[in-house]
């Protein structure tokens, strides 16, 4: 849950690096929250709640994605691949599952502090 809350603490921070575990835990909690909000909105007849949640999570999700790309030594501009249907999503998925690289232009390796 701390990774999900970190997204709000650094909601517009496009600098630095995000570890693979942090990114995927954020994605997991984001999916769970989306399902819960969608279900509650459907039961209460407030279907727009899902859209409001998606808008709220747009910037934090982009920021986390950019920081994850930085962790694999790629520029945040690679996020534009998401605009290409299917192929862009597959390429980004591959980049997001790659392991961290050593120290790079975006900062020190976040795994180094845990060793």
PDB file of N, CA and C in Angstrom:
ATOM      1  N   UNK A   1       0.814  -1.195   0.000  1.00  0.00           N
ATOM      2  CA  UNK A   1       0.000   0.000   0.000  1.00  0.00           C
ATOM      3  C   UNK A   1       0.857   1.259   0.000  1.00  0.00           C
ATOM      4  N   UNK A   2       2.079   1.154   0.556  1.00  0.00           N
ATOM      5  CA  UNK A   2       2.958   2.323   0.614  1.00  0.00           C
ATOM      6  C   UNK A   2       3.338   2.804  -0.782  1.00  0.00           C
ATOM      7  N   UNK A   3       3.449   1.893  -1.745  1.00  0.00           N
ATOM      8  CA  UNK A   3       3.800   2.278  -3.108  1.00  0.00           C
ATOM      9  C   UNK A   3       2.666   3.060  -3.759  1.00  0.00           C
ATOM     10  N   UNK A   4       1.447   2.694  -3.437  1.00  0.00           N
ATOM     11  CA  UNK A   4       0.282   3.399  -3.959  1.00  0.00           C
ATOM     12  C   UNK A   4       0.236   4.814  -3.385  1.00  0.00           C
ATOM     13  N   UNK A   5       0.513   4.943  -2.099  1.00  0.00           N
ATOM     14  CA  UNK A   5       0.511   6.253  -1.466  1.00  0.00           C
ATOM     15  C   UNK A   5       1.690   7.100  -1.930  1.00  0.00           C
ATOM     16  N   UNK A   6       2.820   6.451  -2.266  1.00  0.00           N
ATOM     17  CA  UNK A   6       3.967   7.186  -2.809  1.00  0.00           C
ATOM     18  C   UNK A   6       3.615   7.875  -4.119  1.00  0.00           C
ATOM     19  N   UNK A   7       2.699   7.307  -4.867  1.00  0.00           N
ATOM     20  CA  UNK A   7       2.277   7.922  -6.122  1.00  0.00           C
ATOM     21  C   UNK A   7       1.650   9.285  -5.858  1.00  0.00           C
ATOM     22  N   UNK A   8       0.956   9.434  -4.746  1.00  0.00           N
ATOM     23  CA  UNK A   8       0.343  10.716  -4.420  1.00  0.00           C
ATOM     24  C   UNK A   8       1.350  11.678  -3.804  1.00  0.00           C
ATOM     25  N   UNK A   9       2.325  11.146  -3.086  1.00  0.00           N
ATOM     26  CA  UNK A   9       3.365  12.010  -2.525  1.00  0.00           C
ATOM     27  C   UNK A   9       4.228  12.602  -3.635  1.00  0.00           C
ATOM     28  N   UNK A  10       4.477  11.816  -4.679  1.00  0.00           N
ATOM     29  CA  UNK A  10       5.300  12.251  -5.810  1.00  0.00           C
ATOM     30  C   UNK A  10       4.462  12.322  -7.076  1.00  0.00           C
ATOM     31  N   UNK A  11       3.252  12.830  -6.965  1.00  0.00           N
ATOM     32  CA  UNK A  11       2.302  12.714  -8.076  1.00  0.00           C
ATOM     33  C   UNK A  11       2.762  13.395  -9.353  1.00  0.00           C
ATOM     34  N   UNK A  12       3.583  14.416  -9.258  1.00  0.00           N
ATOM     35  CA  UNK A  12       4.038  15.105 -10.471  1.00  0.00           C
ATOM     36  C   UNK A  12       5.554  15.097 -10.561  1.00  0.00           C
ATOM     37  N   UNK A  13       6.194  14.130  -9.924  1.00  0.00           N
ATOM     38  CA  UNK A  13       7.644  14.025  -9.949  1.00  0.00           C
ATOM     39  C   UNK A  13       8.053  13.114 -11.104  1.00  0.00           C
ATOM     40  N   UNK A  14       8.535  13.711 -12.172  1.00  0.00           N
ATOM     41  CA  UNK A  14       8.945  12.944 -13.338  1.00  0.00           C
ATOM     42  C   UNK A  14      10.453  12.732 -13.357  1.00  0.00           C
ATOM     43  N   UNK A  15      11.116  13.021 -12.247  1.00  0.00           N
ATOM     44  CA  UNK A  15      12.564  12.851 -12.155  1.00  0.00           C
ATOM     45  C   UNK A  15      12.860  11.710 -11.199  1.00  0.00           C
ATOM     46  N   UNK A  16      14.007  11.113 -11.379  1.00  0.00           N
ATOM     47  CA  UNK A  16      14.398  10.026 -10.510  1.00  0.00           C
ATOM     48  C   UNK A  16      14.043   8.663 -11.094  1.00  0.00           C
ATOM     49  N   UNK A  17      14.054   7.662 -10.236  1.00  0.00           N
ATOM     50  CA  UNK A  17      13.853   6.283 -10.677  1.00  0.00           C
ATOM     51  C   UNK A  17      12.849   5.583  -9.772  1.00  0.00           C
ATOM     52  N   UNK A  18      12.148   4.614 -10.338  1.00  0.00           N
ATOM     53  CA  UNK A  18      11.208   3.799  -9.572  1.00  0.00           C
ATOM     54  C   UNK A  18      11.550   2.331  -9.808  1.00  0.00           C
ATOM     55  N   UNK A  19      11.726   1.597  -8.740  1.00  0.00           N
ATOM     56  CA  UNK A  19      12.041   0.175  -8.853  1.00  0.00           C
ATOM     57  C   UNK A  19      10.896  -0.599  -9.473  1.00  0.00           C
ATOM     58  N   UNK A  20      11.221  -1.749 -10.003  1.00  0.00           N
ATOM     59  CA  UNK A  20      10.228  -2.618 -10.630  1.00  0.00           C
ATOM     60  C   UNK A  20       9.142  -3.009  -9.636  1.00  0.00           C
ATOM     61  N   UNK A  21       9.525  -3.388  -8.425  1.00  0.00           N
ATOM     62  CA  UNK A  21       8.553  -3.792  -7.411  1.00  0.00           C
ATOM     63  C   UNK A  21       7.608  -2.643  -7.076  1.00  0.00           C
ATOM     64  N   UNK A  22       8.145  -1.447  -6.914  1.00  0.00           N
ATOM     65  CA  UNK A  22       7.316  -0.289  -6.578  1.00  0.00           C
ATOM     66  C   UNK A  22       6.305  -0.017  -7.681  1.00  0.00           C
ATOM     67  N   UNK A  23       6.740  -0.077  -8.927  1.00  0.00           N
ATOM     68  CA  UNK A  23       5.835   0.198 -10.045  1.00  0.00           C
ATOM     69  C   UNK A  23       4.717  -0.837 -10.110  1.00  0.00           C
ATOM     70  N   UNK A  24       5.064  -2.112 -10.028  1.00  0.00           N
ATOM     71  CA  UNK A  24       4.047  -3.148 -10.181  1.00  0.00           C
ATOM     72  C   UNK A  24       3.115  -3.223  -8.978  1.00  0.00           C
ATOM     73  N   UNK A  25       3.593  -2.875  -7.789  1.00  0.00           N
ATOM     74  CA  UNK A  25       2.683  -2.808  -6.635  1.00  0.00           C
ATOM     75  C   UNK A  25       1.711  -1.647  -6.803  1.00  0.00           C
ATOM     76  N   UNK A  26       2.191  -0.531  -7.351  1.00  0.00           N
ATOM     77  CA  UNK A  26       1.296   0.588  -7.654  1.00  0.00           C
ATOM     78  C   UNK A  26       0.240   0.157  -8.664  1.00  0.00           C
ATOM     79  N   UNK A  27       0.646  -0.555  -9.703  1.00  0.00           N
ATOM     80  CA  UNK A  27      -0.300  -1.016 -10.720  1.00  0.00           C
ATOM     81  C   UNK A  27      -1.333  -1.954 -10.094  1.00  0.00           C
ATOM     82  N   UNK A  28      -0.879  -2.869  -9.247  1.00  0.00           N
ATOM     83  CA  UNK A  28      -1.793  -3.814  -8.600  1.00  0.00           C
ATOM     84  C   UNK A  28      -2.849  -3.083  -7.768  1.00  0.00           C
ATOM     85  N   UNK A  29      -2.413  -2.170  -6.901  1.00  0.00           N
ATOM     86  CA  UNK A  29      -3.371  -1.444  -6.066  1.00  0.00           C
ATOM     87  C   UNK A  29      -4.260  -0.531  -6.901  1.00  0.00           C
ATOM     88  N   UNK A  30      -3.738   0.000  -7.989  1.00  0.00           N
ATOM     89  CA  UNK A  30      -4.544   0.835  -8.863  1.00  0.00           C
ATOM     90  C   UNK A  30      -5.653   0.014  -9.526  1.00  0.00           C
ATOM     91  N   UNK A  31      -5.340  -1.194  -9.948  1.00  0.00           N
ATOM     92  CA  UNK A  31      -6.349  -2.069 -10.552  1.00  0.00           C
ATOM     93  C   UNK A  31      -7.410  -2.451  -9.519  1.00  0.00           C
ATOM     94  N   UNK A  32      -6.969  -2.799  -8.309  1.00  0.00           N
ATOM     95  CA  UNK A  32      -7.917  -3.157  -7.252  1.00  0.00           C
ATOM     96  C   UNK A  32      -8.833  -1.976  -6.943  1.00  0.00           C
ATOM     97  N   UNK A  33      -8.261  -0.786  -6.812  1.00  0.00           N
ATOM     98  CA  UNK A  33      -9.077   0.400  -6.531  1.00  0.00           C
ATOM     99  C   UNK A  33     -10.041   0.683  -7.679  1.00  0.00           C
ATOM    100  N   UNK A  34      -9.606   0.488  -8.910  1.00  0.00           N
ATOM    101  CA  UNK A  34     -10.484   0.712 -10.064  1.00  0.00           C
ATOM    102  C   UNK A  34     -11.677  -0.233 -10.035  1.00  0.00           C
ATOM    103  N   UNK A  35     -11.422  -1.490  -9.713  1.00  0.00           N
ATOM    104  CA  UNK A  35     -12.500  -2.472  -9.655  1.00  0.00           C
ATOM    105  C   UNK A  35     -13.488  -2.122  -8.548  1.00  0.00           C
ATOM    106  N   UNK A  36     -12.971  -1.765  -7.376  1.00  0.00           N
ATOM    107  CA  UNK A  36     -13.843  -1.417  -6.249  1.00  0.00           C
ATOM    108  C   UNK A  36     -14.662  -0.170  -6.572  1.00  0.00           C
ATOM    109  N   UNK A  37     -14.014   0.852  -7.092  1.00  0.00           N
ATOM    110  CA  UNK A  37     -14.734   2.093  -7.420  1.00  0.00           C
ATOM    111  C   UNK A  37     -15.748   1.844  -8.523  1.00  0.00           C
ATOM    112  N   UNK A  38     -15.403   1.027  -9.515  1.00  0.00           N
ATOM    113  CA  UNK A  38     -16.352   0.693 -10.573  1.00  0.00           C
ATOM    114  C   UNK A  38     -17.555  -0.059 -10.046  1.00  0.00           C
ATOM    115  N   UNK A  39     -17.322  -0.996  -9.126  1.00  0.00           N
ATOM    116  CA  UNK A  39     -18.422  -1.770  -8.548  1.00  0.00           C
ATOM    117  C   UNK A  39     -19.319  -0.876  -7.701  1.00  0.00           C
ATOM    118  N   UNK A  40     -18.722  -0.052  -6.858  1.00  0.00           N
ATOM    119  CA  UNK A  40     -19.507   0.845  -6.012  1.00  0.00           C
ATOM    120  C   UNK A  40     -20.283   1.833  -6.880  1.00  0.00           C
ATOM    121  N   UNK A  41     -19.628   2.360  -7.908  1.00  0.00           N
ATOM    122  CA  UNK A  41     -20.317   3.276  -8.805  1.00  0.00           C
ATOM    123  C   UNK A  41     -21.464   2.615  -9.534  1.00  0.00           C
ATOM    124  N   UNK A  42     -21.286   1.357  -9.931  1.00  0.00           N
ATOM    125  CA  UNK A  42     -22.353   0.628 -10.598  1.00  0.00           C
ATOM    126  C   UNK A  42     -23.531   0.348  -9.682  1.00  0.00           C
ATOM    127  N   UNK A  43     -23.236  -0.001  -8.437  1.00  0.00           N
ATOM    128  CA  UNK A  43     -24.301  -0.290  -7.478  1.00  0.00           C
ATOM    129  C   UNK A  43     -25.091   0.970  -7.136  1.00  0.00           C
ATOM    130  N   UNK A  44     -24.380   2.079  -6.968  1.00  0.00           N
ATOM    131  CA  UNK A  44     -25.036   3.329  -6.583  1.00  0.00           C
ATOM    132  C   UNK A  44     -25.582   4.112  -7.774  1.00  0.00           C
ATOM    133  N   UNK A  45     -25.312   3.637  -8.980  1.00  0.00           N
ATOM    134  CA  UNK A  45     -25.772   4.342 -10.167  1.00  0.00           C
ATOM    135  C   UNK A  45     -24.943   5.574 -10.487  1.00  0.00           C
ATOM    136  N   UNK A  46     -23.709   5.592 -10.012  1.00  0.00           N
ATOM    137  CA  UNK A  46     -22.806   6.720 -10.245  1.00  0.00           C
ATOM    138  C   UNK A  46     -21.635   6.256 -11.116  1.00  0.00           C
ATOM    139  N   UNK A  47     -21.928   5.904 -12.352  1.00  0.00           N
ATOM    140  CA  UNK A  47     -20.921   5.335 -13.235  1.00  0.00           C
ATOM    141  C   UNK A  47     -19.763   6.287 -13.519  1.00  0.00           C
ATOM    142  N   UNK A  48     -19.991   7.585 -13.338  1.00  0.00           N
ATOM    143  CA  UNK A  48     -18.939   8.555 -13.623  1.00  0.00           C
ATOM    144  C   UNK A  48     -17.791   8.499 -12.609  1.00  0.00           C
ATOM    145  N   UNK A  49     -17.985   7.806 -11.479  1.00  0.00           N
ATOM    146  CA  UNK A  49     -16.921   7.696 -10.479  1.00  0.00           C
ATOM    147  C   UNK A  49     -15.659   7.066 -11.057  1.00  0.00           C
ATOM    148  N   UNK A  50     -15.838   6.063 -11.918  1.00  0.00           N
ATOM    149  CA  UNK A  50     -14.684   5.418 -12.549  1.00  0.00           C
ATOM    150  C   UNK A  50     -13.911   6.382 -13.423  1.00  0.00           C
ATOM    151  N   UNK A  51     -14.610   7.243 -14.139  1.00  0.00           N
ATOM    152  CA  UNK A  51     -13.939   8.223 -14.984  1.00  0.00           C
ATOM    153  C   UNK A  51     -13.213   9.275 -14.145  1.00  0.00           C
ATOM    154  N   UNK A  52     -13.822   9.685 -13.047  1.00  0.00           N
ATOM    155  CA  UNK A  52     -13.176  10.652 -12.159  1.00  0.00           C
ATOM    156  C   UNK A  52     -11.909  10.049 -11.566  1.00  0.00           C
ATOM    157  N   UNK A  53     -11.992   8.790 -11.142  1.00  0.00           N
ATOM    158  CA  UNK A  53     -10.809   8.115 -10.597  1.00  0.00           C
ATOM    159  C   UNK A  53      -9.710   8.020 -11.654  1.00  0.00           C
ATOM    160  N   UNK A  54     -10.060   7.686 -12.881  1.00  0.00           N
ATOM    161  CA  UNK A  54      -9.075   7.586 -13.962  1.00  0.00           C
ATOM    162  C   UNK A  54      -8.393   8.932 -14.209  1.00  0.00           C
ATOM    163  N   UNK A  55      -9.151  10.010 -14.167  1.00  0.00           N
ATOM    164  CA  UNK A  55      -8.562  11.343 -14.348  1.00  0.00           C
ATOM    165  C   UNK A  55      -7.635  11.704 -13.193  1.00  0.00           C
ATOM    166  N   UNK A  56      -8.036  11.340 -11.973  1.00  0.00           N
ATOM    167  CA  UNK A  56      -7.200  11.627 -10.806  1.00  0.00           C
ATOM    168  C   UNK A  56      -5.889  10.861 -10.897  1.00  0.00           C
ATOM    169  N   UNK A  57      -5.925   9.645 -11.395  1.00  0.00           N
ATOM    170  CA  UNK A  57      -4.736   8.790 -11.445  1.00  0.00           C
ATOM    171  C   UNK A  57      -3.898   8.990 -12.708  1.00  0.00           C
ATOM    172  N   UNK A  58      -4.319   9.825 -13.626  1.00  0.00           N
ATOM    173  CA  UNK A  58      -3.595  10.012 -14.880  1.00  0.00           C
ATOM    174  C   UNK A  58      -2.171  10.524 -14.658  1.00  0.00           C
ATOM    175  N   UNK A  59      -2.015  11.628 -13.962  1.00  0.00           N
ATOM    176  CA  UNK A  59      -0.684  12.203 -13.754  1.00  0.00           C
ATOM    177  C   UNK A  59       0.182  11.320 -12.863  1.00  0.00           C
ATOM    178  N   UNK A  60      -0.316  10.800 -11.717  1.00  0.00           N
ATOM    179  CA  UNK A  60       0.540   9.912 -10.926  1.00  0.00           C
ATOM    180  C   UNK A  60       0.962   8.655 -11.694  1.00  0.00           C
ATOM    181  N   UNK A  61       0.073   8.111 -12.508  1.00  0.00           N
ATOM    182  CA  UNK A  61       0.418   6.929 -13.293  1.00  0.00           C
ATOM    183  C   UNK A  61       1.479   7.220 -14.344  1.00  0.00           C
ATOM    184  N   UNK A  62       1.345   8.354 -15.005  1.00  0.00           N
ATOM    185  CA  UNK A  62       2.363   8.751 -15.979  1.00  0.00           C
ATOM    186  C   UNK A  62       3.710   8.993 -15.310  1.00  0.00           C
ATOM    187  N   UNK A  63       3.686   9.669 -14.152  1.00  0.00           N
ATOM    188  CA  UNK A  63       4.928   9.957 -13.440  1.00  0.00           C
ATOM    189  C   UNK A  63       5.615   8.668 -13.002  1.00  0.00           C
ATOM    190  N   UNK A  64       4.845   7.714 -12.484  1.00  0.00           N
ATOM    191  CA  UNK A  64       5.437   6.437 -12.063  1.00  0.00           C
ATOM    192  C   UNK A  64       6.006   5.700 -13.281  1.00  0.00           C
ATOM    193  N   UNK A  65       5.294   5.734 -14.399  1.00  0.00           N
ATOM    194  CA  UNK A  65       5.777   5.087 -15.613  1.00  0.00           C
ATOM    195  C   UNK A  65       7.070   5.704 -16.117  1.00  0.00           C
ATOM    196  N   UNK A  66       7.155   7.016 -16.079  1.00  0.00           N
ATOM    197  CA  UNK A  66       8.374   7.700 -16.520  1.00  0.00           C
ATOM    198  C   UNK A  66       9.530   7.342 -15.597  1.00  0.00           C
ATOM    199  N   UNK A  67       9.291   7.340 -14.291  1.00  0.00           N
ATOM    200  CA  UNK A  67      10.364   6.975 -13.358  1.00  0.00           C
ATOM    201  C   UNK A  67      10.789   5.520 -13.547  1.00  0.00           C
ATOM    202  N   UNK A  68       9.844   4.642 -13.904  1.00  0.00           N
ATOM    203  CA  UNK A  68      10.194   3.244 -14.169  1.00  0.00           C
ATOM    204  C   UNK A  68      11.060   3.148 -15.417  1.00  0.00           C
ATOM    205  N   UNK A  69      10.739   3.919 -16.453  1.00  0.00           N
ATOM    206  CA  UNK A  69      11.567   3.936 -17.652  1.00  0.00           C
ATOM    207  C   UNK A  69      12.958   4.473 -17.339  1.00  0.00           C
ATOM    208  N   UNK A  70      13.040   5.482 -16.481  1.00  0.00           N
ATOM    209  CA  UNK A  70      14.348   5.997 -16.075  1.00  0.00           C
ATOM    210  C   UNK A  70      15.171   4.906 -15.404  1.00  0.00           C
ATOM    211  N   UNK A  71      14.515   4.030 -14.663  1.00  0.00           N
ATOM    212  CA  UNK A  71      15.224   2.948 -13.976  1.00  0.00           C
ATOM    213  C   UNK A  71      15.831   1.958 -14.960  1.00  0.00           C
ATOM    214  N   UNK A  72      15.296   1.898 -16.162  1.00  0.00           N
ATOM    215  CA  UNK A  72      15.845   0.999 -17.192  1.00  0.00           C
ATOM    216  C   UNK A  72      16.691   1.773 -18.195  1.00  0.00           C
ATOM    217  N   UNK A  73      17.135   2.976 -17.811  1.00  0.00           N
ATOM    218  CA  UNK A  73      18.005   3.840 -18.631  1.00  0.00           C
ATOM    219  C   UNK A  73      17.331   4.319 -19.909  1.00  0.00           C
ATOM    220  N   UNK A  74      16.043   4.573 -19.848  1.00  0.00           N
ATOM    221  CA  UNK A  74      15.312   5.100 -21.000  1.00  0.00           C
ATOM    222  C   UNK A  74      14.680   6.434 -20.638  1.00  0.00           C
ATOM    223  N   UNK A  75      14.524   7.255 -21.646  1.00  0.00           N
ATOM    224  CA  UNK A  75      13.886   8.551 -21.460  1.00  0.00           C
ATOM    225  C   UNK A  75      12.388   8.366 -21.220  1.00  0.00           C
ATOM    226  N   UNK A  76      11.793   9.315 -20.536  1.00  0.00           N
ATOM    227  CA  UNK A  76      10.359   9.279 -20.306  1.00  0.00           C
ATOM    228  C   UNK A  76       9.548   9.449 -21.580  1.00  0.00           C
ATOM    229  N   UNK A  77      10.181   9.952 -22.622  1.00  0.00           N
ATOM    230  CA  UNK A  77       9.484  10.126 -23.900  1.00  0.00           C
ATOM    231  C   UNK A  77       9.038   8.793 -24.489  1.00  0.00           C
ATOM    232  N   UNK A  78       9.600   7.690 -24.027  1.00  0.00           N
ATOM    233  CA  UNK A  78       9.164   6.373 -24.491  1.00  0.00           C
ATOM    234  C   UNK A  78       7.714   6.106 -24.106  1.00  0.00           C
ATOM    235  N   UNK A  79       7.179   6.848 -23.146  1.00  0.00           N
ATOM    236  CA  UNK A  79       5.770   6.673 -22.756  1.00  0.00           C
ATOM    237  C   UNK A  79       4.828   7.000 -23.916  1.00  0.00           C
ATOM    238  N   UNK A  80       5.304   7.766 -24.880  1.00  0.00           N
ATOM    239  CA  UNK A  80       4.475   8.084 -26.043  1.00  0.00           C
ATOM    240  C   UNK A  80       4.136   6.837 -26.860  1.00  0.00           C
ATOM    241  N   UNK A  81       4.877   5.757 -26.644  1.00  0.00           N
ATOM    242  CA  UNK A  81       4.550   4.497 -27.325  1.00  0.00           C
ATOM    243  C   UNK A  81       3.154   4.006 -26.952  1.00  0.00           C
ATOM    244  N   UNK A  82       2.661   4.446 -25.811  1.00  0.00           N
ATOM    245  CA  UNK A  82       1.321   4.040 -25.382  1.00  0.00           C
ATOM    246  C   UNK A  82       0.251   4.531 -26.357  1.00  0.00           C
ATOM    247  N   UNK A  83       0.582   5.507 -27.167  1.00  0.00           N
ATOM    248  CA  UNK A  83      -0.376   6.021 -28.147  1.00  0.00           C
ATOM    249  C   UNK A  83      -0.522   5.102 -29.359  1.00  0.00           C
ATOM    250  N   UNK A  84       0.417   4.166 -29.511  1.00  0.00           N
ATOM    251  CA  UNK A  84       0.343   3.199 -30.607  1.00  0.00           C
ATOM    252  C   UNK A  84      -0.384   1.965 -30.080  1.00  0.00           C
ATOM    253  N   UNK A  85      -1.543   1.641 -30.630  1.00  0.00           N
ATOM    254  CA  UNK A  85      -2.300   0.497 -30.110  1.00  0.00           C
ATOM    255  C   UNK A  85      -1.506  -0.812 -30.209  1.00  0.00           C
ATOM    256  N   UNK A  86      -1.680  -1.680 -29.294  1.00  0.00           N
ATOM    257  CA  UNK A  86      -1.132  -3.026 -29.160  1.00  0.00           C
ATOM    258  C   UNK A  86       0.397  -3.030 -29.158  1.00  0.00           C
ATOM    259  N   UNK A  87       1.041  -2.616 -30.240  1.00  0.00           N
ATOM    260  CA  UNK A  87       2.507  -2.691 -30.334  1.00  0.00           C
ATOM    261  C   UNK A  87       3.150  -1.821 -29.265  1.00  0.00           C
ATOM    262  N   UNK A  88       2.661  -0.606 -29.089  1.00  0.00           N
ATOM    263  CA  UNK A  88       3.211   0.282 -28.070  1.00  0.00           C
ATOM    264  C   UNK A  88       3.046  -0.290 -26.683  1.00  0.00           C
ATOM    265  N   UNK A  89       1.897  -0.883 -26.414  1.00  0.00           N
ATOM    266  CA  UNK A  89       1.651  -1.475 -25.097  1.00  0.00           C
ATOM    267  C   UNK A  89       2.592  -2.651 -24.846  1.00  0.00           C
ATOM    268  N   UNK A  90       2.836  -3.452 -25.852  1.00  0.00           N
ATOM    269  CA  UNK A  90       3.726  -4.607 -25.698  1.00  0.00           C
ATOM    270  C   UNK A  90       5.155  -4.146 -25.437  1.00  0.00           C
ATOM    271  N   UNK A  91       5.616  -3.162 -26.194  1.00  0.00           N
ATOM    272  CA  UNK A  91       6.980  -2.657 -26.010  1.00  0.00           C
ATOM    273  C   UNK A  91       7.139  -2.053 -24.623  1.00  0.00           C
ATOM    274  N   UNK A  92       6.170  -1.245 -24.185  1.00  0.00           N
ATOM    275  CA  UNK A  92       6.247  -0.665 -22.846  1.00  0.00           C
ATOM    276  C   UNK A  92       6.211  -1.741 -21.761  1.00  0.00           C
ATOM    277  N   UNK A  93       5.401  -2.764 -21.955  1.00  0.00           N
ATOM    278  CA  UNK A  93       5.355  -3.858 -20.985  1.00  0.00           C
ATOM    279  C   UNK A  93       6.719  -4.514 -20.849  1.00  0.00           C
ATOM    280  N   UNK A  94       7.390  -4.736 -21.961  1.00  0.00           N
ATOM    281  CA  UNK A  94       8.731  -5.323 -21.921  1.00  0.00           C
ATOM    282  C   UNK A  94       9.688  -4.400 -21.164  1.00  0.00           C
ATOM    283  N   UNK A  95       9.626  -3.097 -21.444  1.00  0.00           N
ATOM    284  CA  UNK A  95      10.500  -2.155 -20.745  1.00  0.00           C
ATOM    285  C   UNK A  95      10.214  -2.140 -19.247  1.00  0.00           C
ATOM    286  N   UNK A  96       8.938  -2.218 -18.865  1.00  0.00           N
ATOM    287  CA  UNK A  96       8.569  -2.153 -17.454  1.00  0.00           C
ATOM    288  C   UNK A  96       8.980  -3.398 -16.674  1.00  0.00           C
ATOM    289  N   UNK A  97       9.118  -4.548 -17.335  1.00  0.00           N
ATOM    290  CA  UNK A  97       9.506  -5.759 -16.606  1.00  0.00           C
ATOM    291  C   UNK A  97      11.018  -5.964 -16.576  1.00  0.00           C
ATOM    292  N   UNK A  98      11.770  -5.154 -17.316  1.00  0.00           N
ATOM    293  CA  UNK A  98      13.222  -5.274 -17.290  1.00  0.00           C
ATOM    294  C   UNK A  98      13.763  -4.870 -15.924  1.00  0.00           C
ATOM    295  N   UNK A  99      14.900  -5.451 -15.558  1.00  0.00           N
ATOM    296  CA  UNK A  99      15.522  -5.161 -14.272  1.00  0.00           C
ATOM    297  C   UNK A  99      16.179  -3.781 -14.295  1.00  0.00           C
ATOM    298  N   UNK A 100      16.459  -3.264 -13.128  1.00  0.00           N
ATOM    299  CA  UNK A 100      17.129  -1.967 -12.993  1.00  0.00           C
ATOM    300  C   UNK A 100      18.522  -2.024 -13.590  1.00  0.00           C
ATOM    301  N   UNK A 101      18.970  -0.896 -14.097  1.00  0.00           N
ATOM    302  CA  UNK A 101      20.350  -0.791 -14.567  1.00  0.00           C
ATOM    303  C   UNK A 101      21.178  -0.157 -13.461  1.00  0.00           C
ATOM    304  N   UNK A 102      22.475  -0.171 -13.641  1.00  0.00           N
ATOM    305  CA  UNK A 102      23.356   0.467 -12.664  1.00  0.00           C
ATOM    306  C   UNK A 102      23.119   1.974 -12.691  1.00  0.00           C
ATOM    307  N   UNK A 103      23.889   2.712 -11.933  1.00  0.00           N
ATOM    308  CA  UNK A 103      23.744   4.167 -11.901  1.00  0.00           C
ATOM    309  C   UNK A 103      23.722   4.716 -13.318  1.00  0.00           C
ATOM    310  N   UNK A 104      22.799   5.628 -13.576  1.00  0.00           N
ATOM    311  CA  UNK A 104      22.700   6.220 -14.899  1.00  0.00           C
ATOM    312  C   UNK A 104      22.444   7.719 -14.782  1.00  0.00           C
ATOM    313  N   UNK A 105      22.096   8.364 -15.896  1.00  0.00           N
ATOM    314  CA  UNK A 105      21.879   9.813 -15.906  1.00  0.00           C
ATOM    315  C   UNK A 105      20.708  10.242 -15.025  1.00  0.00           C
ATOM    316  N   UNK A 106      19.830   9.316 -14.681  1.00  0.00           N
ATOM    317  CA  UNK A 106      18.630   9.640 -13.927  1.00  0.00           C
ATOM    318  C   UNK A 106      18.798   9.440 -12.427  1.00  0.00           C
ATOM    319  N   UNK A 107      19.953   8.977 -12.010  1.00  0.00           N
ATOM    320  CA  UNK A 107      20.210   8.837 -10.586  1.00  0.00           C
ATOM    321  C   UNK A 107      20.856   7.511 -10.234  1.00  0.00           C
ATOM    322  N   UNK A 108      21.146   7.317  -8.960  1.00  0.00           N
ATOM    323  CA  UNK A 108      21.754   6.056  -8.523  1.00  0.00           C
ATOM    324  C   UNK A 108      20.749   4.899  -8.565  1.00  0.00           C
ATOM    325  N   UNK A 109      21.281   3.706  -8.602  1.00  0.00           N
ATOM    326  CA  UNK A 109      20.433   2.511  -8.634  1.00  0.00           C
ATOM    327  C   UNK A 109      19.687   2.401  -7.302  1.00  0.00           C
ATOM    328  N   UNK A 110      18.349   2.384  -7.335  1.00  0.00           N
ATOM    329  CA  UNK A 110      17.601   2.299  -6.079  1.00  0.00           C
ATOM    330  C   UNK A 110      17.782   0.952  -5.375  1.00  0.00           C
ATOM    331  N   UNK A 111      18.206  -0.067  -6.081  1.00  0.00           N
ATOM    332  CA  UNK A 111      18.441  -1.369  -5.448  1.00  0.00           C
ATOM    333  C   UNK A 111      19.704  -1.361  -4.616  1.00  0.00           C
ATOM    334  N   UNK A 112      20.636  -0.469  -4.912  1.00  0.00           N
ATOM    335  CA  UNK A 112      21.924  -0.450  -4.213  1.00  0.00           C
ATOM    336  C   UNK A 112      21.754  -0.181  -2.730  1.00  0.00           C
ATOM    337  N   UNK A 113      20.743   0.583  -2.359  1.00  0.00           N
ATOM    338  CA  UNK A 113      20.511   0.908  -0.947  1.00  0.00           C
ATOM    339  C   UNK A 113      19.990  -0.261  -0.148  1.00  0.00           C
ATOM    340  N   UNK A 114      19.432  -1.273  -0.813  1.00  0.00           N
ATOM    341  CA  UNK A 114      18.861  -2.417  -0.106  1.00  0.00           C
ATOM    342  C   UNK A 114      19.837  -3.560   0.060  1.00  0.00           C
ATOM    343  N   UNK A 115      20.936  -3.515  -0.655  1.00  0.00           N
ATOM    344  CA  UNK A 115      21.891  -4.634  -0.610  1.00  0.00           C
ATOM    345  C   UNK A 115      22.674  -4.651   0.679  1.00  0.00           C
TER     346      UNK A 115
END
